[in-house]
Protein backbone atom coordinates (compact mmCIF):
# COMPACT_ATOMS: atom_id res chain seq x y z
CA MET A 1 14.11 -55.37 34.86
CA GLU A 2 12.77 -55.43 31.29
CA VAL A 3 10.66 -51.92 30.92
CA ALA A 4 8.74 -51.14 28.08
CA SER A 5 9.60 -47.31 26.62
CA TYR A 6 7.32 -45.65 24.07
CA SER A 7 7.28 -43.22 22.19
CA SER A 8 4.25 -41.13 20.74
CA PRO A 9 3.93 -42.93 17.25
CA THR A 10 3.17 -38.84 16.41
CA SER A 11 6.89 -37.98 17.63
CA SER A 12 8.85 -34.87 15.49
CA CYS A 13 11.24 -38.31 15.20
CA GLY A 14 9.42 -40.38 12.47
CA GLY A 15 7.64 -42.51 15.19
CA LEU A 16 9.39 -44.27 17.66
CA GLN A 17 7.74 -47.88 17.85
CA PRO A 18 7.66 -49.32 21.16
CA GLN A 19 10.50 -51.05 22.11
CA LYS A 20 11.77 -53.74 24.94
CA THR A 21 14.74 -51.74 26.59
CA ARG A 22 16.72 -52.59 29.99
CA ASN A 23 16.52 -50.74 32.35
CA THR A 24 20.70 -50.11 33.37
CA PHE A 25 20.26 -47.12 35.91
CA LYS A 26 19.12 -46.25 39.23
CA ILE A 27 18.43 -43.37 40.37
CA GLN A 28 20.02 -42.58 43.27
CA MET A 29 18.81 -39.15 45.53
CA GLU A 30 21.89 -39.35 48.53
CA HIS A 31 24.28 -37.22 47.58
CA LYS A 32 27.43 -38.11 48.48
CA HIS A 33 30.98 -36.05 47.17
CA PRO A 34 31.91 -37.55 44.09
CA SER A 35 35.49 -38.89 45.96
CA ASP A 36 33.91 -40.86 48.30
CA SER A 37 35.26 -44.42 46.63
CA SER A 38 32.94 -46.33 49.81
CA THR A 39 31.27 -48.69 47.37
CA GLY A 40 33.94 -49.28 44.84
CA ASN A 41 32.04 -48.29 42.04
CA ASN A 42 33.92 -44.71 41.37
CA PRO A 43 35.83 -44.35 39.15
CA SER A 44 39.86 -42.63 38.49
CA LEU A 45 40.08 -38.71 37.48
CA THR A 46 41.48 -40.71 33.91
CA HIS A 47 38.02 -42.25 33.26
CA ILE A 48 36.40 -39.61 34.29
CA GLU A 49 38.27 -37.35 31.63
CA LYS A 50 38.04 -39.91 28.95
CA TYR A 51 34.30 -39.87 29.47
CA GLU A 52 34.07 -36.42 29.79
CA LYS A 53 36.32 -36.45 25.80
CA TYR A 54 34.36 -38.64 24.77
CA LEU A 55 30.93 -37.73 25.40
CA THR A 56 31.27 -34.05 23.57
CA GLU A 57 33.08 -35.41 20.82
CA SER A 58 29.18 -36.90 20.38
CA VAL A 59 28.23 -34.39 21.39
CA GLN A 60 29.25 -32.27 19.21
CA ALA A 61 29.14 -34.64 16.39
CA LEU A 62 25.73 -34.60 17.01
CA LYS A 63 25.11 -31.48 16.63
CA ARG A 64 27.19 -31.42 13.72
CA LYS A 65 25.01 -33.99 11.77
CA LYS A 66 21.80 -32.28 12.65
CA LEU A 67 20.95 -35.34 13.56
CA ASP A 68 17.62 -33.57 14.36
CA CYS A 69 16.71 -37.53 15.88
CA PRO A 70 19.00 -39.14 17.04
CA LYS A 71 18.20 -42.50 18.87
CA GLN A 72 16.73 -42.94 21.04
CA LYS A 73 19.73 -46.04 22.99
CA GLN A 74 21.57 -43.11 22.17
CA ILE A 75 20.25 -40.79 23.91
CA ILE A 76 20.16 -42.43 26.53
CA PHE A 77 23.37 -44.05 26.71
CA LEU A 78 25.37 -39.96 26.48
CA LEU A 79 23.34 -39.10 29.35
CA ASP A 80 23.64 -41.88 31.66
CA LEU A 81 27.64 -41.02 30.90
CA ALA A 82 26.81 -37.73 31.43
CA ASN A 83 25.13 -38.46 34.70
CA LEU A 84 28.72 -40.28 35.79
CA VAL A 85 30.49 -37.56 33.81
CA VAL A 86 28.62 -34.66 35.45
CA LYS A 87 29.62 -35.79 39.54
CA ASN A 88 32.86 -34.30 38.91
CA GLU A 89 32.87 -30.37 39.19
CA SER A 90 36.69 -30.32 37.29
CA SER A 91 34.22 -31.87 34.60
CA PHE A 92 31.06 -31.00 34.75
CA ASN A 93 32.45 -26.76 34.62
CA ASN A 94 33.70 -28.03 31.39
CA LEU A 95 30.90 -29.57 30.24
CA LYS A 96 29.11 -25.77 31.37
CA SER A 97 31.53 -24.35 29.76
CA ASP A 98 31.33 -25.88 25.62
CA THR A 99 27.87 -25.42 26.33
CA VAL A 100 27.91 -29.48 26.12
CA LEU A 101 25.28 -29.82 28.67
CA GLN A 102 22.59 -27.47 27.34
CA GLU A 103 23.15 -29.41 24.15
CA LEU A 104 22.84 -33.33 25.08
CA ILE A 105 19.26 -31.67 26.53
CA LEU A 106 18.71 -29.92 23.72
CA ILE A 107 19.38 -33.12 21.38
CA SER A 108 16.74 -35.36 24.44
CA ASN A 109 13.84 -33.16 24.55
CA PRO A 110 13.37 -34.67 28.22
CA THR A 111 9.80 -31.57 28.11
CA LEU A 112 8.11 -33.33 25.76
CA LEU A 113 5.40 -35.37 26.66
CA GLU A 114 6.56 -37.75 23.96
CA THR A 115 9.88 -38.78 25.11
CA ALA A 116 11.14 -42.05 26.61
CA GLU A 117 10.97 -42.51 30.92
CA GLU A 118 13.87 -44.15 30.38
CA VAL A 119 15.71 -40.59 29.21
CA LYS A 120 13.04 -38.94 31.57
CA LEU A 121 14.90 -40.13 34.16
CA LEU A 122 18.19 -40.21 33.35
CA PHE A 123 17.54 -36.14 32.77
CA LEU A 124 16.15 -36.59 36.33
CA ALA A 125 19.06 -38.56 37.42
CA MET A 126 21.71 -36.17 35.50
CA LEU A 127 20.45 -33.43 36.90
CA ASN A 128 20.59 -34.99 40.45
CA SER A 129 24.18 -35.49 39.92
CA VAL A 130 24.91 -31.74 39.20
CA LEU A 131 23.26 -30.81 42.73
CA VAL A 132 26.12 -32.08 44.56
CA HIS A 133 28.52 -29.29 43.95
CA PRO A 134 28.07 -25.52 43.83
CA SER A 135 28.61 -25.02 41.26
CA GLY A 136 26.00 -26.55 39.82
CA VAL A 137 23.43 -25.42 42.07
CA ALA A 138 24.07 -22.56 40.92
CA TRP A 139 23.72 -23.83 36.96
CA MET A 140 20.34 -24.87 37.12
CA SER A 141 18.91 -22.15 39.25
CA ASP A 142 20.34 -19.78 35.79
CA LYS A 143 18.95 -21.79 32.62
CA ASN A 144 15.74 -23.15 34.99
CA TYR A 145 16.44 -26.25 34.59
CA TRP A 146 14.12 -27.01 37.64
CA LEU A 147 11.03 -25.58 35.61
CA ASP A 148 11.82 -28.47 33.51
CA VAL A 149 11.58 -30.43 36.03
CA TYR A 150 8.31 -29.14 37.60
CA SER A 151 7.15 -29.35 33.70
CA ILE A 152 7.95 -33.48 33.54
CA ILE A 153 5.81 -33.67 36.85
CA LEU A 154 2.85 -32.08 35.26
CA GLN A 155 2.52 -34.15 32.11
CA HIS A 156 3.11 -37.46 35.22
CA GLN A 157 1.37 -36.24 37.83
CA HIS A 158 -2.00 -38.91 36.53
CA ALA A 159 0.38 -41.84 35.08
CA GLU A 160 -0.09 -44.97 36.62
CA ASN A 161 4.32 -45.12 36.88
CA GLU A 162 4.45 -42.83 39.34
CA GLU A 163 8.56 -42.83 39.51
CA VAL A 164 9.18 -40.22 37.26
CA VAL A 165 7.35 -37.90 39.70
CA LYS A 166 8.65 -38.94 42.47
CA ALA A 167 12.64 -38.82 41.31
CA GLY A 168 11.24 -34.61 39.55
CA LEU A 169 9.94 -34.23 43.62
CA LEU A 170 12.89 -35.71 45.46
CA LEU A 171 15.24 -33.29 42.79
CA VAL A 172 13.07 -30.68 42.72
CA LEU A 173 13.19 -30.48 46.82
CA VAL A 174 16.65 -30.98 47.30
CA PHE A 175 17.30 -28.13 44.67
CA TRP A 176 15.12 -25.83 46.85
CA GLN A 177 16.71 -27.07 49.73
CA HIS A 178 20.69 -25.92 48.66
CA SER A 179 19.61 -22.93 47.08
CA TRP A 180 17.74 -21.87 50.68
CA ILE A 181 21.11 -22.77 52.05
CA LYS A 182 22.70 -20.42 49.87
CA GLN A 183 21.34 -17.66 50.63
């Protein structure tokens, strides 16, 4: 499915122009345990560890180079990779303790109005993947990322494309459900 993603010409990243990108992700609001291999689509632990290392090195390289504006394709790839890696609780905890996830979120700027919808959807998908384990629910609560999700929902409440709003609302509902169960 071809999707046009747009950024404002006045964005802080030098005005990314509209570009066609391939929609390579699908938000799944099902909460399956990461070890559930019934889909046959789960990478092995060895692959997850390699992906985690690559993600850490890539985010640190972007931070070191002080790229205020990495390319949208880079952000999309890293968010998609993070979405896969954080499903493993051990990898999630490693990325969390090394502040890789916080840096990735800062780099991607998901709450800015001019950020592409594809980036926002991947941000929401990554947070959804974090909620499969208790440490992810606690992290999302401690860092107040649910407020970022709420901000994104408000930005898109009158948009023609309701996909961001639906994904955001489902994420907030799942988060609140897990938060209430925890108490």
